Structure formats: structure tokens, C-alpha cells
Amino acid sequence: MHGRSDVETVKETAAKTLQQSKDSPQTDDEEAEKRKIVRAAARFIKADIKNIDTCRDFYPDPSELRSLEKNVAFVPHSLRILLQETFSGKSCDLEVASIGQSIVQLTRPS
């Protein structure tokens, strides 16, 4: 693996995001507070996406590409939680996998 460890990077990102949240002026505006929370969540998710360990040396086996479980597992946990909370229905794994992977690819283009 290149660079710093994932744990170190996530801790730094979490600490930085929480500090930014504390440092920003408090307001009674509920909409402004919602935006602040959403922006903090977006920073956490983006950091998780950027920390995905990918290998470009080989193309996955077709059985892996067809596996819903492996496709869902590719989506970072924080993004998975957001999407599962957003979609209704008991089984939304296909939506989580497809939209989650789209978000990952848009955030981290090849």
C-alpha cells in the first residue's frame, strides 16, 4: 500500500471535520445547521471514497462483477449507510451498489 495508513488518514479527517464544525459560528437558523451537518457528512464520505484500496493490475473475474454482495461491499460503509437510509424498501442492495459505485467513480475518476 502506498502513502499513509487508512486509520491514520480517517482519524485526521474526522478530527479536522469535527474541529471545523466546532469553529463555525453557531446559529439559530435551522436550515444553516442542516447544511453544516450535510457538508460535514459529505467530507467524511469523500474521505472514505478516497481511501478505497484499488488495484489496477488486473480486471475482476466476471463472477465478482455479477455478485451483488461484492458490488455492495465495494461501496464505502459511510456511503452505504447514507444510501440505505435514503432508499425505502427492505432490500435496496441493487440501488445502493449501482448509485454508490456511480458516486465513487464520479468522486474518484480513473
Protein backbone atom coordinates (compact mmCIF):
# COMPACT_ATOMS: atom_id res chain seq x y z
CA MET A 1 0.00 0.00 0.00
CA HIS A 2 1.28 3.50 -0.78
CA GLY A 3 1.02 6.57 1.44
CA ARG A 4 -0.30 6.67 4.97
CA SER A 5 -2.44 4.09 6.70
CA ASP A 6 -6.20 4.31 6.33
CA VAL A 7 -6.71 4.53 10.09
CA GLU A 8 -4.33 7.48 10.38
CA THR A 9 -5.98 9.28 7.47
CA VAL A 10 -9.54 8.67 8.73
CA LYS A 11 -8.63 9.90 12.22
CA GLU A 12 -7.10 13.08 10.81
CA THR A 13 -10.09 13.68 8.51
CA ALA A 14 -12.57 13.09 11.33
CA ALA A 15 -10.68 15.37 13.70
CA LYS A 16 -10.39 18.11 11.07
CA THR A 17 -14.08 17.89 10.12
CA LEU A 18 -15.24 17.96 13.74
CA GLN A 19 -12.96 20.91 14.50
CA GLN A 20 -14.32 22.85 11.52
CA SER A 21 -17.82 22.17 12.77
CA LYS A 22 -16.95 23.46 16.27
CA ASP A 23 -15.14 26.52 14.90
CA SER A 24 -18.01 27.65 12.69
CA PRO A 25 -20.30 30.23 14.27
CA GLN A 26 -23.40 28.87 15.99
CA THR A 27 -26.68 29.99 14.52
CA ASP A 28 -30.35 29.68 15.32
CA ASP A 29 -31.08 29.13 11.62
CA GLU A 30 -32.21 25.50 11.35
CA GLU A 31 -31.52 25.34 7.60
CA ALA A 32 -27.97 26.59 8.08
CA GLU A 33 -27.40 23.93 10.75
CA LYS A 34 -28.72 21.24 8.38
CA ARG A 35 -26.37 22.42 5.62
CA LYS A 36 -23.43 22.35 8.05
CA ILE A 37 -24.23 18.75 9.06
CA VAL A 38 -24.66 17.64 5.45
CA ARG A 39 -21.37 19.26 4.44
CA ALA A 40 -19.57 17.51 7.31
CA ALA A 41 -21.10 14.17 6.28
CA ALA A 42 -20.05 14.79 2.68
CA ARG A 43 -16.44 15.39 3.80
CA PHE A 44 -16.45 12.11 5.76
CA ILE A 45 -17.87 10.18 2.81
CA LYS A 46 -15.45 11.76 0.35
CA ALA A 47 -12.51 10.85 2.59
CA ASP A 48 -13.76 7.26 2.78
CA ILE A 49 -14.06 7.12 -1.01
CA LYS A 50 -10.54 8.43 -1.48
CA ASN A 51 -9.22 5.79 0.94
CA ILE A 52 -10.53 2.85 -1.07
CA ASP A 53 -7.67 0.49 -1.81
CA THR A 54 -7.90 -0.31 -5.52
CA CYS A 55 -5.72 -2.41 -7.78
CA ARG A 56 -5.46 -1.61 -11.47
CA ASP A 57 -3.18 -4.54 -12.26
CA PHE A 58 -5.99 -6.92 -13.15
CA TYR A 59 -9.64 -6.90 -14.16
CA PRO A 60 -12.04 -8.63 -11.75
CA ASP A 61 -13.43 -12.05 -12.58
CA PRO A 62 -16.88 -11.87 -14.23
CA SER A 63 -18.42 -13.75 -11.29
CA GLU A 64 -17.28 -10.91 -9.00
CA LEU A 65 -18.86 -8.36 -11.31
CA ARG A 66 -22.18 -10.24 -11.16
CA SER A 67 -22.08 -10.63 -7.38
CA LEU A 68 -24.46 -8.17 -5.74
CA GLU A 69 -22.74 -8.77 -2.41
CA LYS A 70 -19.28 -7.85 -3.80
CA ASN A 71 -20.70 -4.81 -5.58
CA VAL A 72 -22.30 -3.55 -2.37
CA ALA A 73 -19.07 -4.26 -0.46
CA PHE A 74 -17.16 -2.00 -2.88
CA VAL A 75 -19.18 1.00 -1.68
CA PRO A 76 -17.58 2.58 1.42
CA HIS A 77 -19.50 1.94 4.64
CA SER A 78 -20.36 5.61 5.26
CA LEU A 79 -21.82 5.99 1.76
CA ARG A 80 -23.66 2.69 2.14
CA ILE A 81 -25.33 3.95 5.32
CA LEU A 82 -26.39 7.19 3.62
CA LEU A 83 -27.89 5.36 0.65
CA GLN A 84 -29.62 2.70 2.76
CA GLU A 85 -31.20 5.43 4.88
CA THR A 86 -32.24 7.34 1.76
CA PHE A 87 -33.91 4.49 -0.12
CA SER A 88 -37.08 2.88 1.10
CA GLY A 89 -37.87 -0.80 0.94
CA LYS A 90 -36.50 -3.85 2.65
CA SER A 91 -33.94 -4.79 0.03
CA CYS A 92 -32.28 -1.86 -1.68
CA ASP A 93 -28.89 -3.51 -2.27
CA LEU A 94 -29.07 -3.13 -6.05
CA GLU A 95 -29.75 0.61 -5.75
CA VAL A 96 -27.01 1.02 -3.13
CA ALA A 97 -24.50 -0.83 -5.31
CA SER A 98 -25.31 0.97 -8.56
CA ILE A 99 -25.70 4.51 -7.23
CA GLY A 100 -22.90 4.03 -4.70
CA GLN A 101 -20.47 2.91 -7.40
CA SER A 102 -21.53 5.82 -9.60
CA ILE A 103 -20.78 8.25 -6.78
CA VAL A 104 -17.41 6.58 -6.15
CA GLN A 105 -16.48 6.82 -9.83
CA LEU A 106 -17.51 10.48 -10.02
CA THR A 107 -15.61 11.33 -6.85
CA ARG A 108 -12.54 9.34 -7.81
CA PRO A 109 -12.26 9.22 -11.59
CA SER A 110 -9.75 6.81 -13.12
